[in-house]
Amino acid sequence: MAKPPLILLHGALGSKEQFDDILSPLENSFEVHRLDFEGHGEAGPTDSPFRISYFTENVLGLLDVHGIEKANIFGYSMGGYVALTLAHENPDSISKVATLGTILSWNKKIAARECGYLNPSRMKEKVPHFVDRLSERHVAGWERVVNRTREMLEHLGNEPNIKEENWKDLAMPVRLHVGDRDTTVELENTVKNCRKMRHGELCVLPGSGHPFEDINKKVLLSSLMDFF
């Protein structure tokens, strides 16, 4: 019997390598696919700005290449928002969606807060080790990725892909994961939007912050296996 397809979508400033630690257990049960969103990781530079809508096109392209008619999707942070946008705009292509550490409600205030962290000069000074990792990760150049991500979030703050009234339109099962120590994602807002969904579920991961390396992966994997 063929394994069900599962697509893994990375977060902002990330790449498909973020999932290396959970890949092997998932491959025992699923036909797992990963990708680097355009302009990220090994995908190389792009002349286009970063946009959630462009990233959903990247996912649809992957489905087309592999002949996948309907897939399960797990998205981390920004990848979760891409997955939910895809579920909202192309519901026939998606079976179930799971997210982790995803900001669901975007406005100018939240975008400004997140953009405040995306200053290459300040990042070199404050988080040099993280900058080194970004430099190794992105063949297009880490500063290019940071600057385009900041511009994308500013655009998202003005024009969210999913409005508050759209959550009730999601017909497929959705499980939202949040770390109990995540200072990026507001748990209260996640609960509020989860309750708007027809088949929304919430899973709080113990001892987990926002960075993927700080996630309780044992509990996350157990939840993903149960959900999908």
C-alpha atoms as a PDB file:
ATOM      1  CA  MET A   1       0.000   0.000   0.000  1.00  0.00           C
ATOM      2  CA  ALA A   2       1.381   3.397  -1.003  1.00  0.00           C
ATOM      3  CA  LYS A   3       2.333   5.775   1.779  1.00  0.00           C
ATOM      4  CA  PRO A   4       0.295   8.997   1.995  1.00  0.00           C
ATOM      5  CA  PRO A   5       2.186  12.095   0.827  1.00  0.00           C
ATOM      6  CA  LEU A   6       3.343  14.617   3.439  1.00  0.00           C
ATOM      7  CA  ILE A   7       4.836  17.993   2.483  1.00  0.00           C
ATOM      8  CA  LEU A   8       7.126  19.828   4.929  1.00  0.00           C
ATOM      9  CA  LEU A   9       7.334  23.629   4.623  1.00  0.00           C
ATOM     10  CA  HIS A  10      10.110  25.584   6.331  1.00  0.00           C
ATOM     11  CA  GLY A  11       9.914  28.920   8.151  1.00  0.00           C
ATOM     12  CA  ALA A  12      11.121  32.431   7.362  1.00  0.00           C
ATOM     13  CA  LEU A  13      14.923  32.624   6.924  1.00  0.00           C
ATOM     14  CA  GLY A  14      14.869  28.820   6.911  1.00  0.00           C
ATOM     15  CA  SER A  15      15.295  26.038   4.375  1.00  0.00           C
ATOM     16  CA  LYS A  16      14.274  22.425   3.954  1.00  0.00           C
ATOM     17  CA  GLU A  17      17.208  21.349   6.141  1.00  0.00           C
ATOM     18  CA  GLN A  18      15.265  22.537   9.209  1.00  0.00           C
ATOM     19  CA  PHE A  19      13.481  19.181   9.174  1.00  0.00           C
ATOM     20  CA  ASP A  20      16.545  16.936   9.131  1.00  0.00           C
ATOM     21  CA  ASP A  21      15.978  15.799  12.729  1.00  0.00           C
ATOM     22  CA  ILE A  22      12.401  14.602  12.144  1.00  0.00           C
ATOM     23  CA  LEU A  23      12.736  13.343   8.581  1.00  0.00           C
ATOM     24  CA  SER A  24      13.650   9.710   9.251  1.00  0.00           C
ATOM     25  CA  PRO A  25      10.750   8.891  11.623  1.00  0.00           C
ATOM     26  CA  LEU A  26       8.231  10.491   9.253  1.00  0.00           C
ATOM     27  CA  GLU A  27       9.560   8.605   6.240  1.00  0.00           C
ATOM     28  CA  ASN A  28       8.622   5.334   7.916  1.00  0.00           C
ATOM     29  CA  SER A  29       4.952   6.204   7.497  1.00  0.00           C
ATOM     30  CA  PHE A  30       4.754   8.868   4.790  1.00  0.00           C
ATOM     31  CA  GLU A  31       6.008   9.750   1.339  1.00  0.00           C
ATOM     32  CA  VAL A  32       7.815  12.871   2.561  1.00  0.00           C
ATOM     33  CA  HIS A  33       8.654  15.824   0.329  1.00  0.00           C
ATOM     34  CA  ARG A  34      10.511  19.019   1.197  1.00  0.00           C
ATOM     35  CA  LEU A  35      11.371  22.120  -0.768  1.00  0.00           C
ATOM     36  CA  ASP A  36      13.224  25.398  -0.456  1.00  0.00           C
ATOM     37  CA  PHE A  37      10.873  28.299  -1.155  1.00  0.00           C
ATOM     38  CA  GLU A  38      12.110  30.454  -4.021  1.00  0.00           C
ATOM     39  CA  GLY A  39      15.069  32.592  -2.960  1.00  0.00           C
ATOM     40  CA  HIS A  40      15.818  30.350   0.039  1.00  0.00           C
ATOM     41  CA  GLY A  41      18.337  27.618   0.759  1.00  0.00           C
ATOM     42  CA  GLU A  42      19.638  25.966  -2.379  1.00  0.00           C
ATOM     43  CA  ALA A  43      16.876  27.413  -4.586  1.00  0.00           C
ATOM     44  CA  GLY A  44      19.091  30.319  -5.597  1.00  0.00           C
ATOM     45  CA  PRO A  45      18.238  34.007  -6.092  1.00  0.00           C
ATOM     46  CA  THR A  46      15.020  35.250  -7.613  1.00  0.00           C
ATOM     47  CA  ASP A  47      14.162  38.605  -9.157  1.00  0.00           C
ATOM     48  CA  SER A  48      10.689  38.488  -7.618  1.00  0.00           C
ATOM     49  CA  PRO A  49       9.904  39.823  -4.136  1.00  0.00           C
ATOM     50  CA  PHE A  50       9.019  37.315  -1.441  1.00  0.00           C
ATOM     51  CA  ARG A  51       5.278  36.777  -1.185  1.00  0.00           C
ATOM     52  CA  ILE A  52       3.152  34.120   0.519  1.00  0.00           C
ATOM     53  CA  SER A  53       1.234  33.709  -2.746  1.00  0.00           C
ATOM     54  CA  TYR A  54       4.458  32.960  -4.624  1.00  0.00           C
ATOM     55  CA  PHE A  55       5.414  30.355  -2.028  1.00  0.00           C
ATOM     56  CA  THR A  56       2.041  28.646  -2.414  1.00  0.00           C
ATOM     57  CA  GLU A  57       2.821  28.426  -6.139  1.00  0.00           C
ATOM     58  CA  ASN A  58       6.105  26.704  -5.239  1.00  0.00           C
ATOM     59  CA  VAL A  59       4.130  24.078  -3.309  1.00  0.00           C
ATOM     60  CA  LEU A  60       1.625  23.582  -6.126  1.00  0.00           C
ATOM     61  CA  GLY A  61       4.574  23.118  -8.474  1.00  0.00           C
ATOM     62  CA  LEU A  62       5.984  20.399  -6.217  1.00  0.00           C
ATOM     63  CA  LEU A  63       2.625  18.625  -6.168  1.00  0.00           C
ATOM     64  CA  ASP A  64       2.473  18.776  -9.951  1.00  0.00           C
ATOM     65  CA  VAL A  65       6.021  17.462 -10.425  1.00  0.00           C
ATOM     66  CA  HIS A  66       5.360  14.463  -8.182  1.00  0.00           C
ATOM     67  CA  GLY A  67       1.846  13.818  -9.459  1.00  0.00           C
ATOM     68  CA  ILE A  68       0.280  14.391  -6.050  1.00  0.00           C
ATOM     69  CA  GLU A  69      -3.427  15.178  -6.288  1.00  0.00           C
ATOM     70  CA  LYS A  70      -4.028  15.717  -2.578  1.00  0.00           C
ATOM     71  CA  ALA A  71      -1.462  16.069   0.190  1.00  0.00           C
ATOM     72  CA  ASN A  72      -1.044  16.469   3.909  1.00  0.00           C
ATOM     73  CA  ILE A  73       1.051  19.497   4.838  1.00  0.00           C
ATOM     74  CA  PHE A  74       3.080  20.378   7.930  1.00  0.00           C
ATOM     75  CA  GLY A  75       4.395  23.927   8.028  1.00  0.00           C
ATOM     76  CA  TYR A  76       6.689  25.541  10.563  1.00  0.00           C
ATOM     77  CA  SER A  77       6.193  29.255  11.334  1.00  0.00           C
ATOM     78  CA  MET A  78       5.878  31.034   7.963  1.00  0.00           C
ATOM     79  CA  GLY A  79       5.552  27.630   6.315  1.00  0.00           C
ATOM     80  CA  GLY A  80       2.412  27.064   8.353  1.00  0.00           C
ATOM     81  CA  TYR A  81       0.906  30.284   7.044  1.00  0.00           C
ATOM     82  CA  VAL A  82       1.767  29.210   3.497  1.00  0.00           C
ATOM     83  CA  ALA A  83       0.043  25.864   4.154  1.00  0.00           C
ATOM     84  CA  LEU A  84      -3.086  27.542   5.535  1.00  0.00           C
ATOM     85  CA  THR A  85      -3.194  29.994   2.635  1.00  0.00           C
ATOM     86  CA  LEU A  86      -2.950  27.083   0.230  1.00  0.00           C
ATOM     87  CA  ALA A  87      -5.724  25.269   2.111  1.00  0.00           C
ATOM     88  CA  HIS A  88      -7.914  28.367   1.896  1.00  0.00           C
ATOM     89  CA  GLU A  89      -7.290  29.066  -1.796  1.00  0.00           C
ATOM     90  CA  ASN A  90      -6.860  25.501  -3.124  1.00  0.00           C
ATOM     91  CA  PRO A  91      -8.812  23.246  -0.737  1.00  0.00           C
ATOM     92  CA  ASP A  92      -9.097  20.400  -3.252  1.00  0.00           C
ATOM     93  CA  SER A  93      -5.306  19.940  -3.103  1.00  0.00           C
ATOM     94  CA  ILE A  94      -5.074  19.554   0.672  1.00  0.00           C
ATOM     95  CA  SER A  95      -6.199  16.726   2.977  1.00  0.00           C
ATOM     96  CA  LYS A  96      -4.998  18.000   6.355  1.00  0.00           C
ATOM     97  CA  VAL A  97      -2.815  20.842   7.639  1.00  0.00           C
ATOM     98  CA  ALA A  98      -0.627  20.939  10.742  1.00  0.00           C
ATOM     99  CA  THR A  99       1.292  24.042  11.752  1.00  0.00           C
ATOM    100  CA  LEU A 100       3.911  24.875  14.362  1.00  0.00           C
ATOM    101  CA  GLY A 101       4.669  28.322  15.753  1.00  0.00           C
ATOM    102  CA  THR A 102       2.606  30.134  13.117  1.00  0.00           C
ATOM    103  CA  ILE A 103       1.332  33.686  13.553  1.00  0.00           C
ATOM    104  CA  LEU A 104      -2.250  33.558  12.319  1.00  0.00           C
ATOM    105  CA  SER A 105      -3.362  37.185  12.658  1.00  0.00           C
ATOM    106  CA  TRP A 106      -1.293  39.746  10.761  1.00  0.00           C
ATOM    107  CA  ASN A 107      -1.568  43.511  11.035  1.00  0.00           C
ATOM    108  CA  LYS A 108       0.787  46.493  10.851  1.00  0.00           C
ATOM    109  CA  LYS A 109       1.695  46.295  14.542  1.00  0.00           C
ATOM    110  CA  ILE A 110       2.658  42.627  14.457  1.00  0.00           C
ATOM    111  CA  ALA A 111       4.535  43.073  11.175  1.00  0.00           C
ATOM    112  CA  ALA A 112       6.487  46.015  12.610  1.00  0.00           C
ATOM    113  CA  ARG A 113       7.448  43.935  15.650  1.00  0.00           C
ATOM    114  CA  GLU A 114       8.724  41.050  13.541  1.00  0.00           C
ATOM    115  CA  CYS A 115      10.472  43.348  11.048  1.00  0.00           C
ATOM    116  CA  GLY A 116      12.365  44.926  13.941  1.00  0.00           C
ATOM    117  CA  TYR A 117      14.410  41.735  14.230  1.00  0.00           C
ATOM    118  CA  LEU A 118      15.321  41.708  10.543  1.00  0.00           C
ATOM    119  CA  ASN A 119      18.157  44.211  10.322  1.00  0.00           C
ATOM    120  CA  PRO A 120      21.327  42.650   8.839  1.00  0.00           C
ATOM    121  CA  SER A 121      23.730  45.071  10.527  1.00  0.00           C
ATOM    122  CA  ARG A 122      22.137  44.569  13.930  1.00  0.00           C
ATOM    123  CA  MET A 123      21.995  40.812  13.403  1.00  0.00           C
ATOM    124  CA  LYS A 124      25.744  40.707  12.701  1.00  0.00           C
ATOM    125  CA  GLU A 125      26.308  42.449  16.033  1.00  0.00           C
ATOM    126  CA  LYS A 126      23.723  40.699  18.193  1.00  0.00           C
ATOM    127  CA  VAL A 127      23.531  37.144  16.786  1.00  0.00           C
ATOM    128  CA  PRO A 128      26.762  36.447  14.842  1.00  0.00           C
ATOM    129  CA  HIS A 129      26.463  32.661  15.183  1.00  0.00           C
ATOM    130  CA  PHE A 130      22.952  32.748  13.709  1.00  0.00           C
ATOM    131  CA  VAL A 131      24.263  34.911  10.859  1.00  0.00           C
ATOM    132  CA  ASP A 132      26.957  32.312  10.176  1.00  0.00           C
ATOM    133  CA  ARG A 133      24.259  29.648   9.858  1.00  0.00           C
ATOM    134  CA  LEU A 134      22.222  31.827   7.527  1.00  0.00           C
ATOM    135  CA  SER A 135      25.285  32.459   5.394  1.00  0.00           C
ATOM    136  CA  GLU A 136      25.875  28.724   5.013  1.00  0.00           C
ATOM    137  CA  ARG A 137      22.176  28.038   4.382  1.00  0.00           C
ATOM    138  CA  HIS A 138      21.302  30.476   1.591  1.00  0.00           C
ATOM    139  CA  VAL A 139      23.156  30.409  -1.727  1.00  0.00           C
ATOM    140  CA  ALA A 140      21.359  33.621  -2.749  1.00  0.00           C
ATOM    141  CA  GLY A 141      23.017  35.484   0.128  1.00  0.00           C
ATOM    142  CA  TRP A 142      21.691  35.740   3.664  1.00  0.00           C
ATOM    143  CA  GLU A 143      21.306  39.536   3.668  1.00  0.00           C
ATOM    144  CA  ARG A 144      19.203  39.357   0.521  1.00  0.00           C
ATOM    145  CA  VAL A 145      16.944  36.798   2.208  1.00  0.00           C
ATOM    146  CA  VAL A 146      16.638  38.898   5.381  1.00  0.00           C
ATOM    147  CA  ASN A 147      15.817  42.103   3.506  1.00  0.00           C
ATOM    148  CA  ARG A 148      13.237  40.442   1.257  1.00  0.00           C
ATOM    149  CA  THR A 149      11.658  38.686   4.219  1.00  0.00           C
ATOM    150  CA  ARG A 150      11.314  42.013   6.023  1.00  0.00           C
ATOM    151  CA  GLU A 151       9.642  43.556   2.970  1.00  0.00           C
ATOM    152  CA  MET A 152       7.316  40.550   2.693  1.00  0.00           C
ATOM    153  CA  LEU A 153       6.224  40.880   6.321  1.00  0.00           C
ATOM    154  CA  GLU A 154       5.540  44.587   5.840  1.00  0.00           C
ATOM    155  CA  HIS A 155       3.327  43.681   2.886  1.00  0.00           C
ATOM    156  CA  LEU A 156       1.658  40.924   4.927  1.00  0.00           C
ATOM    157  CA  GLY A 157       0.897  43.422   7.699  1.00  0.00           C
ATOM    158  CA  ASN A 158      -0.982  45.568   5.205  1.00  0.00           C
ATOM    159  CA  GLU A 159      -2.559  42.776   3.170  1.00  0.00           C
ATOM    160  CA  PRO A 160      -2.889  39.478   5.066  1.00  0.00           C
ATOM    161  CA  ASN A 161      -3.552  36.504   2.814  1.00  0.00           C
ATOM    162  CA  ILE A 162      -6.108  35.158   5.270  1.00  0.00           C
ATOM    163  CA  LYS A 163      -8.604  37.498   6.930  1.00  0.00           C
ATOM    164  CA  GLU A 164     -10.101  36.817  10.357  1.00  0.00           C
ATOM    165  CA  GLU A 165     -13.443  35.891   8.783  1.00  0.00           C
ATOM    166  CA  ASN A 166     -11.786  33.299   6.508  1.00  0.00           C
ATOM    167  CA  TRP A 167     -10.872  30.784   9.208  1.00  0.00           C
ATOM    168  CA  LYS A 168     -14.407  29.394   9.304  1.00  0.00           C
ATOM    169  CA  ASP A 169     -14.105  28.567   5.601  1.00  0.00           C
ATOM    170  CA  LEU A 170     -11.384  25.966   6.137  1.00  0.00           C
ATOM    171  CA  ALA A 171     -13.180  22.655   5.694  1.00  0.00           C
ATOM    172  CA  MET A 172     -10.287  20.254   6.276  1.00  0.00           C
ATOM    173  CA  PRO A 173      -8.851  19.198   9.662  1.00  0.00           C
ATOM    174  CA  VAL A 174      -6.222  21.607  10.993  1.00  0.00           C
ATOM    175  CA  ARG A 175      -3.981  21.041  14.019  1.00  0.00           C
ATOM    176  CA  LEU A 176      -2.132  24.075  15.367  1.00  0.00           C
ATOM    177  CA  HIS A 177       0.996  23.442  17.454  1.00  0.00           C
ATOM    178  CA  VAL A 178       2.423  26.086  19.783  1.00  0.00           C
ATOM    179  CA  GLY A 179       5.322  25.859  22.195  1.00  0.00           C
ATOM    180  CA  ASP A 180       4.471  26.738  25.803  1.00  0.00           C
ATOM    181  CA  ARG A 181       7.491  29.076  25.855  1.00  0.00           C
ATOM    182  CA  ASP A 182       6.956  30.611  22.415  1.00  0.00           C
ATOM    183  CA  THR A 183       7.276  34.405  22.734  1.00  0.00           C
ATOM    184  CA  THR A 184       6.608  35.003  19.022  1.00  0.00           C
ATOM    185  CA  VAL A 185       3.169  33.414  18.729  1.00  0.00           C
ATOM    186  CA  GLU A 186       0.372  34.518  21.046  1.00  0.00           C
ATOM    187  CA  LEU A 187      -1.337  31.439  22.489  1.00  0.00           C
ATOM    188  CA  GLU A 188      -4.570  33.347  23.117  1.00  0.00           C
ATOM    189  CA  ASN A 189      -4.804  34.432  19.486  1.00  0.00           C
ATOM    190  CA  THR A 190      -4.093  30.882  18.314  1.00  0.00           C
ATOM    191  CA  VAL A 191      -6.871  29.527  20.528  1.00  0.00           C
ATOM    192  CA  LYS A 192      -9.288  32.197  19.286  1.00  0.00           C
ATOM    193  CA  ASN A 193      -8.666  31.422  15.614  1.00  0.00           C
ATOM    194  CA  CYS A 194      -8.594  27.677  16.217  1.00  0.00           C
ATOM    195  CA  ARG A 195     -12.128  27.885  17.581  1.00  0.00           C
ATOM    196  CA  LYS A 196     -13.257  29.642  14.399  1.00  0.00           C
ATOM    197  CA  MET A 197     -12.188  26.675  12.269  1.00  0.00           C
ATOM    198  CA  ARG A 198     -14.670  23.906  11.514  1.00  0.00           C
ATOM    199  CA  HIS A 199     -12.211  21.175  12.443  1.00  0.00           C
ATOM    200  CA  GLY A 200      -9.497  23.056  14.307  1.00  0.00           C
ATOM    201  CA  GLU A 201      -7.391  21.407  16.999  1.00  0.00           C
ATOM    202  CA  LEU A 202      -4.711  22.788  19.324  1.00  0.00           C
ATOM    203  CA  CYS A 203      -1.600  21.069  20.658  1.00  0.00           C
ATOM    204  CA  VAL A 204       0.679  22.869  23.126  1.00  0.00           C
ATOM    205  CA  LEU A 205       4.224  21.470  23.166  1.00  0.00           C
ATOM    206  CA  PRO A 206       5.842  21.363  26.614  1.00  0.00           C
ATOM    207  CA  GLY A 207       9.263  22.887  27.166  1.00  0.00           C
ATOM    208  CA  SER A 208       9.248  24.435  23.689  1.00  0.00           C
ATOM    209  CA  GLY A 209      10.147  27.904  22.419  1.00  0.00           C
ATOM    210  CA  HIS A 210       9.764  29.291  18.918  1.00  0.00           C
ATOM    211  CA  PRO A 211      13.043  28.243  17.190  1.00  0.00           C
ATOM    212  CA  PHE A 212      12.674  24.815  15.641  1.00  0.00           C
ATOM    213  CA  GLU A 213      15.750  23.562  17.489  1.00  0.00           C
ATOM    214  CA  ASP A 214      14.000  24.418  20.785  1.00  0.00           C
ATOM    215  CA  ILE A 215      10.942  22.303  20.025  1.00  0.00           C
ATOM    216  CA  ASN A 216      10.088  19.131  21.949  1.00  0.00           C
ATOM    217  CA  LYS A 217      10.399  16.942  18.871  1.00  0.00           C
ATOM    218  CA  LYS A 218       9.309  13.752  20.617  1.00  0.00           C
ATOM    219  CA  VAL A 219       5.899  15.245  21.404  1.00  0.00           C
ATOM    220  CA  LEU A 220       5.700  16.950  18.004  1.00  0.00           C
ATOM    221  CA  LEU A 221       6.358  13.715  16.119  1.00  0.00           C
ATOM    222  CA  SER A 222       3.813  11.862  18.245  1.00  0.00           C
ATOM    223  CA  SER A 223       1.220  14.511  17.449  1.00  0.00           C
ATOM    224  CA  LEU A 224       1.988  14.532  13.717  1.00  0.00           C
ATOM    225  CA  MET A 225       1.790  10.750  13.513  1.00  0.00           C
ATOM    226  CA  ASP A 226      -1.541  10.793  15.368  1.00  0.00           C
ATOM    227  CA  PHE A 227      -2.979  13.613  13.250  1.00  0.00           C
ATOM    228  CA  PHE A 228      -1.917  12.506   9.780  1.00  0.00           C
END
